[in-house]
Every structure is written in structure tokens, then in C-alpha cells.
Amino acid sequence: MIKFLADENIAFRVIETLREEKFNVLSIYEEKLSGLSDEKILRMAQRQKRIILTHDKDFGNLIHQPHQLHSGIILLRLKNQSPQNVINHLIPFLKKIKLDKIKNRLVVFQEGRIRII
């Protein structure tokens, strides 16, 4: 099962929809961890073997530092960041992708394409 850690910038509606679709999602906001540094979020996700969901492109830069371990990051770089648009892009992708394809990888969602790095 894919487990996620939703950064504080992920809309609650997106989190609720993921949970309705039976995804295991822990929310930084709900856990009252807002303001936690990206490095600490990355370590927390790694310890719990969760893939980070975020709109924050700093995570993409952070994982390229030497010896930086992570369980995976999904970076949502859609021009329209409305919850419904994020849901429309994210849910179909997650339903068809296998965990081993995104585990320990950076997945970048942009209009018209998804890059797995």
C-alpha cells in the first residue's frame, strides 16, 4: 500500500479524496506540524516510509543533496492548483502506477506530462 505525507500546502479536499479512495494519508496540517522545515518533513516521511505530496519545489532541490534519503516525492506543479484539478490529475495516476515505480523517486506533475526522475 502506498502511504503519503501531505505537506501543509495540500488542500484538505485533496487529502479527503485520497482517503476516500483508500490511500493512507497523513497530513502535516492535521498533525499540527505546520511550519516544520522541509528537511524535517523529509526525514519524517523517510522514517515512516511515506511519499511526500507537495506543491513546494524546494523538495525537488533538497533531494539532490549528497546522502539525502527519501521514500519518494510527488511534486504538483500544475498551473491550476485548485483541489479539483489536482484530484483529476493525481487519482488516475495513483490508481494505475505501481509503488516500485515511484518509491524513492521524484514525480513531477505538470500540464500535459508527468516526469519520474
C-alpha atoms as a PDB file:
ATOM      1  CA  MET A   1       0.000   0.000   0.000  1.00  0.00           C
ATOM      2  CA  ILE A   2       1.235   3.467  -0.843  1.00  0.00           C
ATOM      3  CA  LYS A   3       1.454   5.769   2.175  1.00  0.00           C
ATOM      4  CA  PHE A   4       1.606   9.543   1.808  1.00  0.00           C
ATOM      5  CA  LEU A   5       2.637  12.523   3.882  1.00  0.00           C
ATOM      6  CA  ALA A   6       0.722  15.571   2.658  1.00  0.00           C
ATOM      7  CA  ASP A   7       2.652  18.813   3.030  1.00  0.00           C
ATOM      8  CA  GLU A   8       0.765  21.697   4.632  1.00  0.00           C
ATOM      9  CA  ASN A   9       0.159  23.223   1.181  1.00  0.00           C
ATOM     10  CA  ILE A  10      -2.018  20.305   0.028  1.00  0.00           C
ATOM     11  CA  ALA A  11      -5.712  21.190   0.188  1.00  0.00           C
ATOM     12  CA  PHE A  12      -7.785  19.236   2.686  1.00  0.00           C
ATOM     13  CA  ARG A  13     -10.218  18.319  -0.090  1.00  0.00           C
ATOM     14  CA  VAL A  14      -7.372  16.525  -1.901  1.00  0.00           C
ATOM     15  CA  ILE A  15      -6.450  14.668   1.299  1.00  0.00           C
ATOM     16  CA  GLU A  16     -10.083  13.680   1.936  1.00  0.00           C
ATOM     17  CA  THR A  17     -10.469  12.394  -1.617  1.00  0.00           C
ATOM     18  CA  LEU A  18      -7.290  10.323  -1.359  1.00  0.00           C
ATOM     19  CA  ARG A  19      -8.598   8.799   1.865  1.00  0.00           C
ATOM     20  CA  GLU A  20     -11.974   8.070   0.259  1.00  0.00           C
ATOM     21  CA  GLU A  21     -10.021   6.218  -2.430  1.00  0.00           C
ATOM     22  CA  LYS A  22      -8.421   4.153   0.382  1.00  0.00           C
ATOM     23  CA  PHE A  23      -4.974   5.767   0.314  1.00  0.00           C
ATOM     24  CA  ASN A  24      -3.184   6.124   3.643  1.00  0.00           C
ATOM     25  CA  VAL A  25      -2.543   9.868   4.037  1.00  0.00           C
ATOM     26  CA  LEU A  26      -1.002  11.662   6.994  1.00  0.00           C
ATOM     27  CA  SER A  27      -1.349  15.444   6.908  1.00  0.00           C
ATOM     28  CA  ILE A  28       1.290  17.842   8.253  1.00  0.00           C
ATOM     29  CA  TYR A  29      -1.512  20.320   8.990  1.00  0.00           C
ATOM     30  CA  GLU A  30      -3.724  17.820  10.834  1.00  0.00           C
ATOM     31  CA  GLU A  31      -0.757  16.613  12.866  1.00  0.00           C
ATOM     32  CA  LYS A  32      -0.211  20.244  13.925  1.00  0.00           C
ATOM     33  CA  LEU A  33       3.263  20.276  12.397  1.00  0.00           C
ATOM     34  CA  SER A  34       2.785  23.345  10.182  1.00  0.00           C
ATOM     35  CA  GLY A  35       5.989  25.332   9.877  1.00  0.00           C
ATOM     36  CA  LEU A  36       8.203  22.246  10.129  1.00  0.00           C
ATOM     37  CA  SER A  37      11.294  22.604   7.935  1.00  0.00           C
ATOM     38  CA  ASP A  38      11.422  20.730   4.634  1.00  0.00           C
ATOM     39  CA  GLU A  39      14.405  18.738   5.929  1.00  0.00           C
ATOM     40  CA  LYS A  40      12.431  17.548   8.969  1.00  0.00           C
ATOM     41  CA  ILE A  41       9.428  16.684   6.808  1.00  0.00           C
ATOM     42  CA  LEU A  42      11.706  14.676   4.525  1.00  0.00           C
ATOM     43  CA  ARG A  43      13.199  12.785   7.491  1.00  0.00           C
ATOM     44  CA  MET A  44       9.756  12.140   8.974  1.00  0.00           C
ATOM     45  CA  ALA A  45       8.480  10.756   5.675  1.00  0.00           C
ATOM     46  CA  GLN A  46      11.589   8.584   5.313  1.00  0.00           C
ATOM     47  CA  ARG A  47      11.195   7.130   8.829  1.00  0.00           C
ATOM     48  CA  GLN A  48       7.531   6.338   8.181  1.00  0.00           C
ATOM     49  CA  LYS A  49       8.163   5.194   4.594  1.00  0.00           C
ATOM     50  CA  ARG A  50       5.735   7.760   3.210  1.00  0.00           C
ATOM     51  CA  ILE A  51       5.799   9.544  -0.134  1.00  0.00           C
ATOM     52  CA  ILE A  52       5.566  13.314   0.232  1.00  0.00           C
ATOM     53  CA  LEU A  53       2.791  15.157  -1.629  1.00  0.00           C
ATOM     54  CA  THR A  54       3.643  18.824  -2.100  1.00  0.00           C
ATOM     55  CA  HIS A  55       3.417  21.934  -4.249  1.00  0.00           C
ATOM     56  CA  ASP A  56       6.791  23.087  -2.859  1.00  0.00           C
ATOM     57  CA  LYS A  57       9.524  22.806  -5.494  1.00  0.00           C
ATOM     58  CA  ASP A  58      12.195  23.163  -2.794  1.00  0.00           C
ATOM     59  CA  PHE A  59      11.754  19.444  -2.117  1.00  0.00           C
ATOM     60  CA  GLY A  60      12.964  18.745  -5.642  1.00  0.00           C
ATOM     61  CA  ASN A  61      16.192  20.599  -4.886  1.00  0.00           C
ATOM     62  CA  LEU A  62      16.561  19.131  -1.416  1.00  0.00           C
ATOM     63  CA  ILE A  63      16.704  15.512  -2.537  1.00  0.00           C
ATOM     64  CA  HIS A  64      19.721  16.196  -4.740  1.00  0.00           C
ATOM     65  CA  GLN A  65      21.901  16.940  -1.731  1.00  0.00           C
ATOM     66  CA  PRO A  66      24.509  14.245  -1.012  1.00  0.00           C
ATOM     67  CA  HIS A  67      23.291  11.341   1.116  1.00  0.00           C
ATOM     68  CA  GLN A  68      19.709  12.653   1.225  1.00  0.00           C
ATOM     69  CA  LEU A  69      17.421   9.652   1.621  1.00  0.00           C
ATOM     70  CA  HIS A  70      13.708   9.767   0.886  1.00  0.00           C
ATOM     71  CA  SER A  71      10.823   7.426   0.170  1.00  0.00           C
ATOM     72  CA  GLY A  72       9.608   9.491  -2.764  1.00  0.00           C
ATOM     73  CA  ILE A  73       8.140  12.881  -3.553  1.00  0.00           C
ATOM     74  CA  ILE A  74       5.206  13.841  -5.741  1.00  0.00           C
ATOM     75  CA  LEU A  75       5.663  17.467  -6.740  1.00  0.00           C
ATOM     76  CA  LEU A  76       2.458  19.025  -8.066  1.00  0.00           C
ATOM     77  CA  ARG A  77       3.488  21.807 -10.463  1.00  0.00           C
ATOM     78  CA  LEU A  78       0.146  22.251 -12.208  1.00  0.00           C
ATOM     79  CA  LYS A  79      -0.725  25.774 -13.348  1.00  0.00           C
ATOM     80  CA  ASN A  80      -4.227  25.284 -11.985  1.00  0.00           C
ATOM     81  CA  GLN A  81      -3.627  24.161  -8.389  1.00  0.00           C
ATOM     82  CA  SER A  82      -7.322  24.011  -7.494  1.00  0.00           C
ATOM     83  CA  PRO A  83      -8.192  20.948  -5.419  1.00  0.00           C
ATOM     84  CA  GLN A  84     -10.433  19.537  -8.150  1.00  0.00           C
ATOM     85  CA  ASN A  85      -7.735  19.866 -10.820  1.00  0.00           C
ATOM     86  CA  VAL A  86      -5.152  18.240  -8.548  1.00  0.00           C
ATOM     87  CA  ILE A  87      -7.586  15.390  -7.833  1.00  0.00           C
ATOM     88  CA  ASN A  88      -8.351  14.968 -11.545  1.00  0.00           C
ATOM     89  CA  HIS A  89      -4.640  14.540 -12.310  1.00  0.00           C
ATOM     90  CA  LEU A  90      -3.459  12.676  -9.230  1.00  0.00           C
ATOM     91  CA  ILE A  91      -6.082   9.983  -8.571  1.00  0.00           C
ATOM     92  CA  PRO A  92      -5.982   8.298 -12.011  1.00  0.00           C
ATOM     93  CA  PHE A  93      -2.178   8.253 -11.886  1.00  0.00           C
ATOM     94  CA  LEU A  94      -2.077   6.715  -8.402  1.00  0.00           C
ATOM     95  CA  LYS A  95      -4.647   4.072  -9.303  1.00  0.00           C
ATOM     96  CA  LYS A  96      -2.568   2.765 -12.187  1.00  0.00           C
ATOM     97  CA  ILE A  97       1.034   3.239 -11.019  1.00  0.00           C
ATOM     98  CA  LYS A  98       2.909   0.546  -9.123  1.00  0.00           C
ATOM     99  CA  LEU A  99       4.609   1.558  -5.903  1.00  0.00           C
ATOM    100  CA  ASP A 100       8.036   0.423  -7.101  1.00  0.00           C
ATOM    101  CA  LYS A 101       7.833   2.922  -9.986  1.00  0.00           C
ATOM    102  CA  ILE A 102       7.590   5.935  -7.669  1.00  0.00           C
ATOM    103  CA  LYS A 103       9.242   4.731  -4.469  1.00  0.00           C
ATOM    104  CA  ASN A 104      12.429   6.730  -3.796  1.00  0.00           C
ATOM    105  CA  ARG A 105      11.767   8.832  -6.899  1.00  0.00           C
ATOM    106  CA  LEU A 106      10.732  12.389  -7.658  1.00  0.00           C
ATOM    107  CA  VAL A 107       7.479  12.549  -9.624  1.00  0.00           C
ATOM    108  CA  VAL A 108       6.758  15.942 -11.188  1.00  0.00           C
ATOM    109  CA  PHE A 109       3.213  16.681 -12.377  1.00  0.00           C
ATOM    110  CA  GLN A 110       2.950  19.435 -14.976  1.00  0.00           C
ATOM    111  CA  GLU A 111       0.290  20.293 -17.521  1.00  0.00           C
ATOM    112  CA  GLY A 112       0.264  17.523 -20.094  1.00  0.00           C
ATOM    113  CA  ARG A 113       3.098  15.454 -18.643  1.00  0.00           C
ATOM    114  CA  ILE A 114       4.376  13.507 -15.689  1.00  0.00           C
ATOM    115  CA  ARG A 115       8.106  13.066 -15.174  1.00  0.00           C
ATOM    116  CA  ILE A 116       9.545  10.355 -12.940  1.00  0.00           C
ATOM    117  CA  ILE A 117      13.119  11.209 -12.037  1.00  0.00           C
END
